[in-house]
């Protein structure tokens, strides 16, 4: 089957991003503690003249990357003081009083700038939108074999540095009360080497070099930035080094979201929706198993794609691992968060009730785990890890970045061709799915997880055992695993009346051009 987007299907001739790149390696860094430790080791090895470029939704300067330190700000500032060229783009964000991160992002930028780096607060987004890309690119001019990039779902901020036990990050953000004082956090970032690093470097450079002014939403924001002496003009970047040499078996396609907006991005004048298009193409290829982990799983537009695939393929199962509760509480904040998932799951279950399996997670202490990962594996062939969620906002409205992966190395474990299409299982996609399932099931045994149908049975049985144990008052030995069946109750009509329009307009807005909205295309 044809899994990647062609140049024409990407639909953005204004960008120089390659259609895809070959000869790469990727390592899934499951949990923030794994990512932060690896990031610290790679940054510490940078020498004068090397490059450290990063983008993020939120950055907390005091977030520890290791128990003994340093903090994120100290790590990047120390690199700048050594002569490393440090450049960053942080979303300008909304006020902290609205539970966002304006001051944290500003403070991280200030500390790095004082050390000789440059960090810009970037508000070149649609109104109500954000820059949600989570990317770090490390280049070593003259030593390209050392080049590495990190991309995925983990921000450089509080609450992210959790581990496999899911006790939470002691530097925690305030969340819904059900998650406790140190919310358990499940997430994934990718460490990437090979020519794809050049493509991700170019992603950063396109945003950095965009001539559109950083402040887009009125004179007040501009005045605040001037009073606080924010850097509003990007200095030049060093020349981009040649792409690193090929070093592995992975073909990787960089997928992005940029909204259609005015003034337009110079590199995406009509926006870019390759995240949406890449998923649409892959989902239509699915035959046996779509395995996903997602923070939201909202939007009827996204759910219809799954529902159509389930109807068209009677052997196809959908497995989704999601948070048990939204990240916020409150009479007005909670219903719009809940109604999007309610609609999406209802659509999928109407299409194929017994082939739709939605789970949430709980650590061994009984605290729900907040699932922030954005992972999708289809038929053990194609997979993606990124910053994008399965909702309309991520597919059209905010800036997002994902890496879709197709391994040229076939997996020699049975079933060799689970989808029965001739594509055969690929090593990377299958290993990623198995690693995540093993953790959720508390097992080291892959035997019953290799076949998609058997894996679904194992997950469902484990979740049912834990659910029965919970309903019995949590008496006796706790069954192994962390999976529970995810329950969704229908919202009362009087609450739906106001929650649905608020959800559609504010929580899950549409960033497509008018023609695409009318035609419901991406």
Protein backbone atom coordinates (compact mmCIF):
# COMPACT_ATOMS: atom_id res chain seq x y z
CA UNK A 1 0.00 0.00 0.00
CA UNK A 2 0.94 3.63 -0.41
CA UNK A 3 1.35 5.03 3.12
CA UNK A 4 3.15 8.39 2.82
CA UNK A 5 1.83 11.61 1.29
CA UNK A 6 3.18 12.49 -2.13
CA UNK A 7 4.54 15.96 -2.84
CA UNK A 8 1.23 16.88 -4.46
CA UNK A 9 -0.78 15.46 -1.57
CA UNK A 10 1.22 17.53 0.92
CA UNK A 11 -0.32 20.58 -0.76
CA UNK A 12 2.17 23.24 0.34
CA UNK A 13 4.58 24.13 -2.48
CA UNK A 14 5.81 27.18 -0.53
CA UNK A 15 7.74 24.98 1.92
CA UNK A 16 11.09 23.34 1.17
CA UNK A 17 10.46 20.47 3.61
CA UNK A 18 11.34 17.20 1.82
CA UNK A 19 8.43 14.92 0.96
CA UNK A 20 10.09 12.33 3.21
CA UNK A 21 13.60 11.18 4.06
CA UNK A 22 15.18 7.73 4.20
CA UNK A 23 18.02 6.12 6.13
CA UNK A 24 17.04 7.31 9.60
CA UNK A 25 16.94 5.89 13.11
CA UNK A 26 14.41 6.67 15.82
CA UNK A 27 14.26 5.78 19.48
CA UNK A 28 11.01 6.17 21.43
CA UNK A 29 11.74 7.87 24.74
CA UNK A 30 8.81 6.77 26.86
CA UNK A 31 8.33 9.01 29.92
CA UNK A 32 9.68 12.47 30.60
CA UNK A 33 12.44 11.24 32.89
CA UNK A 34 13.92 9.23 30.01
CA UNK A 35 13.70 12.14 27.59
CA UNK A 36 15.09 14.77 29.93
CA UNK A 37 18.07 12.63 30.91
CA UNK A 38 18.90 11.95 27.27
CA UNK A 39 18.42 15.61 26.35
CA UNK A 40 20.81 16.69 29.11
CA UNK A 41 23.49 14.25 27.94
CA UNK A 42 23.26 15.44 24.33
CA UNK A 43 23.24 19.15 25.22
CA UNK A 44 26.20 18.73 27.59
CA UNK A 45 28.22 17.29 24.69
CA UNK A 46 27.71 20.35 22.46
CA UNK A 47 30.83 22.36 21.62
CA UNK A 48 31.35 26.03 20.65
CA UNK A 49 29.76 26.73 17.28
CA UNK A 50 27.27 23.85 17.53
CA UNK A 51 23.55 24.63 17.21
CA UNK A 52 20.74 24.20 19.75
CA UNK A 53 17.36 25.19 18.29
CA UNK A 54 14.08 24.54 20.08
CA UNK A 55 10.36 25.27 19.88
CA UNK A 56 7.77 24.67 22.59
CA UNK A 57 4.29 25.39 23.89
CA UNK A 58 5.51 25.92 27.45
CA UNK A 59 8.91 26.11 29.08
CA UNK A 60 9.45 26.28 32.84
CA UNK A 61 12.94 27.60 33.60
CA UNK A 62 13.16 25.80 36.97
CA UNK A 63 12.10 22.35 35.71
CA UNK A 64 14.80 19.85 36.69
CA UNK A 65 16.09 17.56 33.96
CA UNK A 66 17.66 15.27 36.59
CA UNK A 67 17.08 14.90 40.33
CA UNK A 68 20.33 16.69 41.08
CA UNK A 69 19.83 19.25 38.32
CA UNK A 70 20.43 21.19 36.21
CA UNK A 71 17.18 22.94 35.35
CA UNK A 72 16.07 23.47 31.76
CA UNK A 73 17.21 27.09 31.93
CA UNK A 74 20.59 26.17 33.43
CA UNK A 75 21.15 23.44 30.82
CA UNK A 76 20.46 25.69 27.84
CA UNK A 77 22.16 28.76 29.37
CA UNK A 78 25.32 26.78 30.11
CA UNK A 79 25.41 25.70 26.47
CA UNK A 80 25.09 29.32 25.35
CA UNK A 81 27.91 30.37 27.67
CA UNK A 82 30.13 27.68 26.10
CA UNK A 83 29.62 29.26 22.68
CA UNK A 84 26.80 27.04 21.45
CA UNK A 85 24.36 28.94 19.21
CA UNK A 86 21.10 28.71 21.16
CA UNK A 87 17.88 29.89 19.52
CA UNK A 88 14.35 29.24 20.73
CA UNK A 89 10.74 29.93 19.79
CA UNK A 90 8.23 29.78 22.64
CA UNK A 91 4.54 30.43 22.26
CA UNK A 92 3.82 33.86 23.73
CA UNK A 93 0.86 32.26 25.54
CA UNK A 94 -2.07 33.73 27.46
CA UNK A 95 -2.02 35.12 30.98
CA UNK A 96 -1.02 32.85 33.87
CA UNK A 97 -4.31 33.78 35.54
CA UNK A 98 -6.03 31.76 32.79
CA UNK A 99 -3.86 28.71 33.68
CA UNK A 100 -1.46 29.33 30.83
CA UNK A 101 2.24 30.11 30.83
CA UNK A 102 3.04 33.65 29.69
CA UNK A 103 5.43 34.45 32.54
CA UNK A 104 7.14 31.04 32.56
CA UNK A 105 7.87 31.24 28.84
CA UNK A 106 9.09 34.81 29.22
CA UNK A 107 11.35 33.93 32.16
CA UNK A 108 12.93 30.97 30.36
CA UNK A 109 13.69 33.23 27.43
CA UNK A 110 15.20 35.88 29.69
CA UNK A 111 17.59 33.44 31.39
CA UNK A 112 18.83 32.04 28.10
CA UNK A 113 19.21 35.51 26.58
CA UNK A 114 21.30 36.67 29.54
CA UNK A 115 23.69 33.77 28.81
CA UNK A 116 24.08 34.76 25.17
CA UNK A 117 21.26 32.85 23.49
CA UNK A 118 18.13 34.23 21.87
CA UNK A 119 14.54 33.17 22.57
CA UNK A 120 11.54 34.81 20.92
CA UNK A 121 7.96 34.83 22.22
CA UNK A 122 6.00 33.89 19.13
CA UNK A 123 2.33 34.84 18.76
CA UNK A 124 2.04 34.28 15.00
CA UNK A 125 -1.08 32.17 15.43
CA UNK A 126 -4.80 32.44 14.81
CA UNK A 127 -6.75 34.18 17.51
CA UNK A 128 -7.30 31.65 20.28
CA UNK A 129 -4.57 29.43 18.84
CA UNK A 130 -1.16 28.34 20.05
CA UNK A 131 2.23 27.12 18.93
CA UNK A 132 2.13 23.52 20.10
CA UNK A 133 5.25 22.04 18.45
CA UNK A 134 7.74 20.38 20.82
CA UNK A 135 11.09 20.19 19.05
CA UNK A 136 14.79 20.33 19.93
CA UNK A 137 17.40 20.19 17.13
CA UNK A 138 21.11 19.74 17.92
CA UNK A 139 23.56 20.20 15.02
CA UNK A 140 27.33 19.69 15.02
CA UNK A 141 28.83 21.44 11.95
CA UNK A 142 31.69 19.30 10.66
CA UNK A 143 30.52 16.31 12.76
CA UNK A 144 27.13 15.47 11.18
CA UNK A 145 27.10 11.91 12.50
CA UNK A 146 26.41 13.41 15.95
CA UNK A 147 23.35 15.40 14.85
CA UNK A 148 20.15 14.52 16.69
CA UNK A 149 16.62 15.91 17.03
CA UNK A 150 13.90 15.32 19.59
CA UNK A 151 10.25 15.60 18.57
CA UNK A 152 7.01 14.38 20.11
CA UNK A 153 4.62 15.24 22.90
CA UNK A 154 6.82 16.24 25.86
CA UNK A 155 7.14 19.93 26.77
CA UNK A 156 10.12 21.40 28.62
CA UNK A 157 8.03 22.14 31.69
CA UNK A 158 6.55 21.06 34.99
CA UNK A 159 4.67 17.75 35.42
CA UNK A 160 6.45 16.09 32.49
CA UNK A 161 9.33 14.34 34.30
CA UNK A 162 7.51 11.19 35.35
CA UNK A 163 8.75 7.58 35.07
CA UNK A 164 7.34 4.10 34.43
CA UNK A 165 5.91 3.83 37.97
CA UNK A 166 3.87 6.98 37.33
CA UNK A 167 4.26 8.61 40.71
CA UNK A 168 4.30 12.00 38.98
CA UNK A 169 6.77 14.86 38.72
CA UNK A 170 7.40 16.52 42.07
CA UNK A 171 7.48 19.84 40.18
CA UNK A 172 3.82 19.58 39.30
CA UNK A 173 1.28 21.75 37.57
CA UNK A 174 -2.11 22.10 39.18
CA UNK A 175 -4.64 19.82 37.49
CA UNK A 176 -8.03 18.25 38.18
CA UNK A 177 -8.26 17.05 41.79
CA UNK A 178 -8.57 13.39 40.72
CA UNK A 179 -4.92 13.40 39.64
CA UNK A 180 -3.61 14.40 43.07
CA UNK A 181 -0.78 16.75 44.03
CA UNK A 182 1.76 15.16 41.66
CA UNK A 183 -0.30 14.04 38.65
CA UNK A 184 0.96 10.82 37.03
CA UNK A 185 1.93 11.63 33.43
CA UNK A 186 2.30 9.30 30.43
CA UNK A 187 4.09 10.71 27.39
CA UNK A 188 6.43 9.90 24.48
CA UNK A 189 9.20 11.79 22.68
CA UNK A 190 11.33 10.56 19.77
CA UNK A 191 15.13 10.78 19.44
CA UNK A 192 15.88 10.97 15.72
CA UNK A 193 19.10 10.67 13.72
CA UNK A 194 19.82 10.76 10.01
CA UNK A 195 18.64 13.04 7.18
CA UNK A 196 15.34 13.74 8.98
CA UNK A 197 17.31 15.99 11.35
CA UNK A 198 17.86 18.32 8.40
CA UNK A 199 14.12 18.42 7.70
CA UNK A 200 13.38 19.26 11.35
CA UNK A 201 16.12 21.91 11.32
CA UNK A 202 14.36 23.44 8.33
CA UNK A 203 11.04 23.40 10.22
CA UNK A 204 12.61 25.58 12.88
CA UNK A 205 14.26 27.88 10.34
CA UNK A 206 11.03 28.46 8.42
CA UNK A 207 9.33 29.75 11.55
CA UNK A 208 12.38 31.73 12.74
CA UNK A 209 12.88 33.47 9.39
CA UNK A 210 9.19 34.23 8.78
CA UNK A 211 9.00 38.03 8.27
CA UNK A 212 5.55 38.34 9.89
CA UNK A 213 5.85 40.35 13.16
CA UNK A 214 5.86 38.25 16.33
CA UNK A 215 2.93 40.06 18.01
CA UNK A 216 -0.30 39.61 16.08
CA UNK A 217 -3.13 40.30 18.48
CA UNK A 218 -3.24 43.97 19.20
CA UNK A 219 -1.31 46.93 20.55
CA UNK A 220 -1.61 45.91 24.21
CA UNK A 221 0.46 42.78 23.70
CA UNK A 222 3.04 44.76 21.77
CA UNK A 223 3.19 47.42 24.50
CA UNK A 224 3.63 44.78 27.24
CA UNK A 225 6.50 43.22 25.30
CA UNK A 226 8.19 46.58 24.90
CA UNK A 227 7.82 47.41 28.59
CA UNK A 228 9.36 44.05 29.48
CA UNK A 229 12.10 44.49 26.85
CA UNK A 230 11.12 41.36 24.94
CA UNK A 231 13.19 40.61 21.88
CA UNK A 232 10.84 41.29 18.96
CA UNK A 233 13.29 40.88 16.11
CA UNK A 234 14.98 37.64 15.15
CA UNK A 235 18.72 37.79 14.57
CA UNK A 236 20.13 35.84 11.67
CA UNK A 237 20.78 32.11 11.91
CA UNK A 238 24.02 30.39 10.91
CA UNK A 239 23.94 28.60 7.57
CA UNK A 240 22.15 25.28 7.69
CA UNK A 241 24.63 22.39 7.65
CA UNK A 242 24.21 19.58 5.10
CA UNK A 243 21.87 16.80 6.13
CA UNK A 244 23.42 14.12 8.34
CA UNK A 245 24.36 10.86 6.57
CA UNK A 246 21.99 7.92 6.37
CA UNK A 247 22.32 5.65 9.40
CA UNK A 248 19.27 3.37 9.62
CA UNK A 249 16.27 1.69 8.02
CA UNK A 250 13.52 4.22 8.70
CA UNK A 251 11.73 6.38 6.18
CA UNK A 252 10.30 9.37 8.06
CA UNK A 253 7.79 11.91 6.83
CA UNK A 254 7.58 15.19 8.74
CA UNK A 255 3.93 16.24 9.11
CA UNK A 256 2.81 19.65 10.27
CA UNK A 257 -0.20 21.83 10.97
CA UNK A 258 -0.25 25.55 10.30
CA UNK A 259 -3.57 27.41 10.13
CA UNK A 260 -4.82 29.59 7.31
CA UNK A 261 -4.46 33.08 8.76
CA UNK A 262 -3.74 36.74 8.04
CA UNK A 263 -1.04 37.84 7.73
CA UNK A 264 -0.11 34.51 6.20
CA UNK A 265 2.98 32.45 6.95
CA UNK A 266 5.55 32.98 4.22
CA UNK A 267 6.24 29.22 4.13
CA UNK A 268 2.54 28.20 4.29
CA UNK A 269 0.44 31.04 2.83
CA UNK A 270 -2.70 28.87 2.80
CA UNK A 271 -1.73 27.00 5.94
CA UNK A 272 -0.55 23.39 6.03
CA UNK A 273 -2.55 20.36 7.10
CA UNK A 274 -0.19 17.47 6.41
CA UNK A 275 -0.86 16.07 9.90
CA UNK A 276 -4.54 15.64 8.98
CA UNK A 277 -3.79 14.42 5.46
CA UNK A 278 -1.17 11.95 6.65
CA UNK A 279 -3.55 10.43 9.18
CA UNK A 280 -6.42 10.30 6.71
CA UNK A 281 -4.33 8.36 4.23
CA UNK A 282 -2.98 5.95 6.86
CA UNK A 283 -6.36 5.34 8.53
CA UNK A 284 -7.91 4.45 5.17
CA UNK A 285 -5.20 1.78 4.78
CA UNK A 286 -6.03 0.15 8.13
CA UNK A 287 -7.29 -3.45 8.06
CA UNK A 288 -6.70 -5.11 11.46
CA UNK A 289 -5.66 -2.70 14.23
CA UNK A 290 -5.47 1.03 14.87
CA UNK A 291 -3.70 1.52 18.20
CA UNK A 292 -3.58 5.06 19.51
CA UNK A 293 -2.77 6.99 22.65
CA UNK A 294 -4.13 10.49 22.81
CA UNK A 295 -4.80 13.32 25.22
CA UNK A 296 -8.20 14.20 23.80
CA UNK A 297 -9.71 12.02 21.03
CA UNK A 298 -12.22 14.72 20.21
CA UNK A 299 -13.98 15.95 17.07
CA UNK A 300 -16.67 14.36 14.98
CA UNK A 301 -14.54 15.09 11.90
CA UNK A 302 -11.79 12.82 13.22
CA UNK A 303 -14.15 10.19 14.63
CA UNK A 304 -15.92 9.80 11.28
CA UNK A 305 -12.63 8.71 9.71
CA UNK A 306 -12.32 5.91 12.25
CA UNK A 307 -16.01 5.04 11.91
CA UNK A 308 -15.76 4.83 8.11
CA UNK A 309 -12.67 2.61 8.33
CA UNK A 310 -14.37 0.32 10.86
CA UNK A 311 -17.46 -0.05 8.67
CA UNK A 312 -15.38 -0.77 5.57
CA UNK A 313 -13.20 -3.42 7.28
CA UNK A 314 -15.05 -5.96 9.45
CA UNK A 315 -11.81 -7.31 10.96
CA UNK A 316 -10.54 -3.89 12.03
CA UNK A 317 -10.28 -3.00 15.73
CA UNK A 318 -9.71 0.43 17.25
CA UNK A 319 -7.83 0.58 20.56
CA UNK A 320 -7.55 3.99 22.23
CA UNK A 321 -5.77 4.83 25.50
CA UNK A 322 -6.95 8.19 26.86
CA UNK A 323 -7.04 10.11 30.18
CA UNK A 324 -9.80 9.10 32.60
CA UNK A 325 -10.60 12.73 33.35
CA UNK A 326 -9.89 16.05 31.61
CA UNK A 327 -7.02 18.03 33.10
CA UNK A 328 -9.38 20.67 34.56
CA UNK A 329 -12.25 20.74 37.01
CA UNK A 330 -15.07 23.21 37.27
CA UNK A 331 -18.72 23.71 36.45
CA UNK A 332 -17.96 25.68 33.30
CA UNK A 333 -14.60 24.24 32.21
CA UNK A 334 -15.45 20.54 32.51
CA UNK A 335 -18.52 20.03 30.23
CA UNK A 336 -16.91 21.39 27.02
CA UNK A 337 -13.95 19.08 27.67
CA UNK A 338 -16.22 16.07 28.10
CA UNK A 339 -18.67 16.51 25.26
CA UNK A 340 -16.13 16.24 22.44
CA UNK A 341 -14.93 12.81 23.55
CA UNK A 342 -18.49 11.67 24.23
CA UNK A 343 -19.44 12.44 20.63
CA UNK A 344 -16.30 10.87 19.14
CA UNK A 345 -16.63 7.59 21.06
CA UNK A 346 -20.35 7.37 20.34
CA UNK A 347 -19.71 7.73 16.60
CA UNK A 348 -17.09 4.97 16.62
CA UNK A 349 -19.15 2.58 18.75
CA UNK A 350 -22.20 3.11 16.57
CA UNK A 351 -20.08 1.98 13.62
CA UNK A 352 -18.54 -1.06 15.31
CA UNK A 353 -19.43 -1.36 18.97
CA UNK A 354 -17.60 -4.56 19.87
CA UNK A 355 -14.50 -3.57 17.87
CA UNK A 356 -13.97 -0.24 19.62
CA UNK A 357 -11.93 -0.53 22.82
CA UNK A 358 -11.27 2.61 24.87
CA UNK A 359 -9.16 2.41 28.01
CA UNK A 360 -7.74 4.74 30.62
CA UNK A 361 -4.83 4.19 33.00
CA UNK A 362 -4.32 4.05 36.76
CA UNK A 363 -1.05 3.64 38.64
CA UNK A 364 -0.61 0.96 41.29
CA UNK A 365 -1.50 3.43 44.03
CA UNK A 366 -4.94 3.95 42.51
CA UNK A 367 -4.37 7.40 41.00
CA UNK A 368 -5.45 7.96 37.39
CA UNK A 369 -2.61 8.55 34.92
CA UNK A 370 -2.93 11.57 32.66
CA UNK A 371 -2.28 10.37 29.10
CA UNK A 372 -0.54 13.16 27.19
CA UNK A 373 1.06 10.93 24.52
CA UNK A 374 0.19 11.41 20.86
CA UNK A 375 0.95 8.03 19.27
CA UNK A 376 -0.68 6.02 16.51
CA UNK A 377 0.31 2.57 15.17
CA UNK A 378 -1.62 1.05 12.24
CA UNK A 379 -1.36 -2.66 11.40
CA UNK A 380 2.22 -2.73 12.75
CA UNK A 381 3.30 -1.01 9.51
CA UNK A 382 2.88 2.77 9.80
CA UNK A 383 3.21 4.77 13.00
CA UNK A 384 3.47 8.35 14.14
CA UNK A 385 4.59 10.23 17.24
CA UNK A 386 4.10 13.96 17.54
CA UNK A 387 2.62 16.98 19.28
CA UNK A 388 -0.78 16.69 17.58
CA UNK A 389 -3.92 15.33 19.19
CA UNK A 390 -6.82 13.64 17.45
CA UNK A 391 -8.99 16.73 17.28
CA UNK A 392 -9.88 19.51 14.87
CA UNK A 393 -7.74 22.07 16.70
CA UNK A 394 -4.57 20.04 16.21
CA UNK A 395 -5.41 19.16 12.60
CA UNK A 396 -6.27 22.71 11.48
CA UNK A 397 -5.80 25.49 14.02
CA UNK A 398 -2.59 25.31 16.11
CA UNK A 399 0.95 24.72 14.91
CA UNK A 400 1.82 21.03 15.29
CA UNK A 401 4.65 18.69 14.35
CA UNK A 402 4.61 14.91 13.93
CA UNK A 403 6.93 12.26 12.49
CA UNK A 404 5.31 9.43 10.53
CA UNK A 405 7.55 6.38 10.28
CA UNK A 406 7.73 3.46 7.85
CA UNK A 407 10.51 0.96 8.58
CA UNK A 408 12.02 -0.80 5.56
CA UNK A 409 13.03 -3.64 7.92
CA UNK A 410 10.29 -6.27 8.11
CA UNK A 411 9.62 -8.01 11.41
CA UNK A 412 10.25 -11.78 11.41
CA UNK A 413 7.82 -12.61 14.23
CA UNK A 414 4.45 -14.15 13.38
CA UNK A 415 2.03 -12.97 12.18
CA UNK A 416 4.29 -11.72 9.39
CA UNK A 417 1.50 -9.88 7.58
CA UNK A 418 -1.25 -9.15 10.13
CA UNK A 419 -3.23 -6.93 7.76
CA UNK A 420 -3.13 -9.49 4.94
CA UNK A 421 -2.28 -6.82 2.39
CA UNK A 422 1.26 -7.88 1.55
CA UNK A 423 2.82 -4.94 3.40
CA UNK A 424 4.07 -7.21 6.22
CA UNK A 425 4.72 -6.02 9.76
CA UNK A 426 7.60 -3.59 10.23
CA UNK A 427 10.03 -3.81 13.09
CA UNK A 428 9.82 -0.24 14.42
CA UNK A 429 6.04 0.11 14.42
CA UNK A 430 5.51 -3.26 16.06
CA UNK A 431 8.20 -2.66 18.70
CA UNK A 432 6.64 0.70 19.58
CA UNK A 433 3.19 -0.83 20.03
CA UNK A 434 4.54 -3.72 22.08
CA UNK A 435 6.57 -1.46 24.37
CA UNK A 436 3.50 0.61 25.21
CA UNK A 437 1.22 -2.40 25.67
CA UNK A 438 3.74 -4.18 27.90
CA UNK A 439 3.83 -1.25 30.28
CA UNK A 440 0.05 -0.95 30.43
CA UNK A 441 -0.29 -4.70 31.10
CA UNK A 442 2.62 -5.05 33.56
CA UNK A 443 4.18 -7.81 31.48
CA UNK A 444 7.46 -8.63 29.78
CA UNK A 445 5.90 -11.35 27.62
CA UNK A 446 5.11 -10.41 24.01
CA UNK A 447 3.75 -13.82 23.04
CA UNK A 448 0.05 -12.94 23.20
CA UNK A 449 0.52 -9.36 22.02
CA UNK A 450 2.03 -9.95 18.58
CA UNK A 451 -1.23 -10.84 16.85
CA UNK A 452 -3.59 -7.83 16.82
CA UNK A 453 -6.70 -9.80 17.74
CA UNK A 454 -4.94 -11.59 20.59
CA UNK A 455 -3.50 -8.28 21.83
CA UNK A 456 -6.98 -6.77 21.93
CA UNK A 457 -8.25 -9.75 23.95
CA UNK A 458 -5.38 -9.45 26.42
CA UNK A 459 -5.95 -5.73 26.96
CA UNK A 460 -9.71 -6.14 27.34
CA UNK A 461 -9.35 -9.06 29.77
CA UNK A 462 -6.81 -7.19 31.90
CA UNK A 463 -9.03 -4.12 32.03
CA UNK A 464 -12.09 -6.19 32.94
CA UNK A 465 -10.21 -7.89 35.80
CA UNK A 466 -9.13 -4.54 37.22
CA UNK A 467 -12.64 -3.14 36.84
CA UNK A 468 -14.12 -6.11 38.71
CA UNK A 469 -11.51 -5.69 41.47
CA UNK A 470 -12.37 -2.00 41.78
CA UNK A 471 -16.12 -2.70 41.88
CA UNK A 472 -15.49 -5.25 44.65
CA UNK A 473 -14.02 -2.51 46.82
CA UNK A 474 -10.37 -3.06 45.81
CA UNK A 475 -10.16 -6.01 48.19
CA UNK A 476 -7.57 -8.73 47.76
CA UNK A 477 -4.53 -8.70 45.53
CA UNK A 478 -4.61 -6.15 42.79
CA UNK A 479 -4.63 -7.81 39.35
CA UNK A 480 -1.66 -6.88 37.14
CA UNK A 481 -1.86 -4.02 34.72
CA UNK A 482 -2.92 -0.38 34.66
CA UNK A 483 -5.77 -0.50 32.11
CA UNK A 484 -9.41 0.16 32.97
CA UNK A 485 -12.39 0.35 30.60
CA UNK A 486 -13.04 4.01 29.89
CA UNK A 487 -16.60 4.99 30.67
CA UNK A 488 -18.47 7.89 29.10
CA UNK A 489 -21.93 8.98 30.26
CA UNK A 490 -24.28 11.02 28.13
CA UNK A 491 -24.46 14.65 29.20
CA UNK A 492 -27.89 16.04 30.19
CA UNK A 493 -29.58 18.02 27.41
CA UNK A 494 -29.59 21.32 29.31
CA UNK A 495 -25.82 21.11 29.77
CA UNK A 496 -25.24 20.02 26.17
CA UNK A 497 -27.08 23.11 24.93
CA UNK A 498 -24.33 25.44 26.06
CA UNK A 499 -21.34 23.06 26.28
CA UNK A 500 -21.45 21.97 22.62
CA UNK A 501 -21.15 25.43 21.02
CA UNK A 502 -18.48 26.45 23.55
CA UNK A 503 -16.54 23.28 22.76
CA UNK A 504 -16.78 23.79 18.99
CA UNK A 505 -15.90 27.49 19.03
CA UNK A 506 -13.31 27.71 21.81
CA UNK A 507 -11.93 24.28 22.69
CA UNK A 508 -11.85 22.70 19.22
CA UNK A 509 -11.89 25.55 16.66
CA UNK A 510 -11.46 25.21 12.91
CA UNK A 511 -8.42 26.78 11.24
CA UNK A 512 -9.17 25.70 7.67
CA UNK A 513 -9.79 28.07 4.76
CA UNK A 514 -13.48 28.70 4.09
CA UNK A 515 -13.58 26.47 1.00
CA UNK A 516 -12.14 23.51 2.92
CA UNK A 517 -14.67 24.02 5.70
CA UNK A 518 -17.55 24.09 3.22
CA UNK A 519 -16.33 20.91 1.53
CA UNK A 520 -15.26 19.31 4.82
CA UNK A 521 -11.81 18.57 3.41
CA UNK A 522 -8.37 19.00 4.88
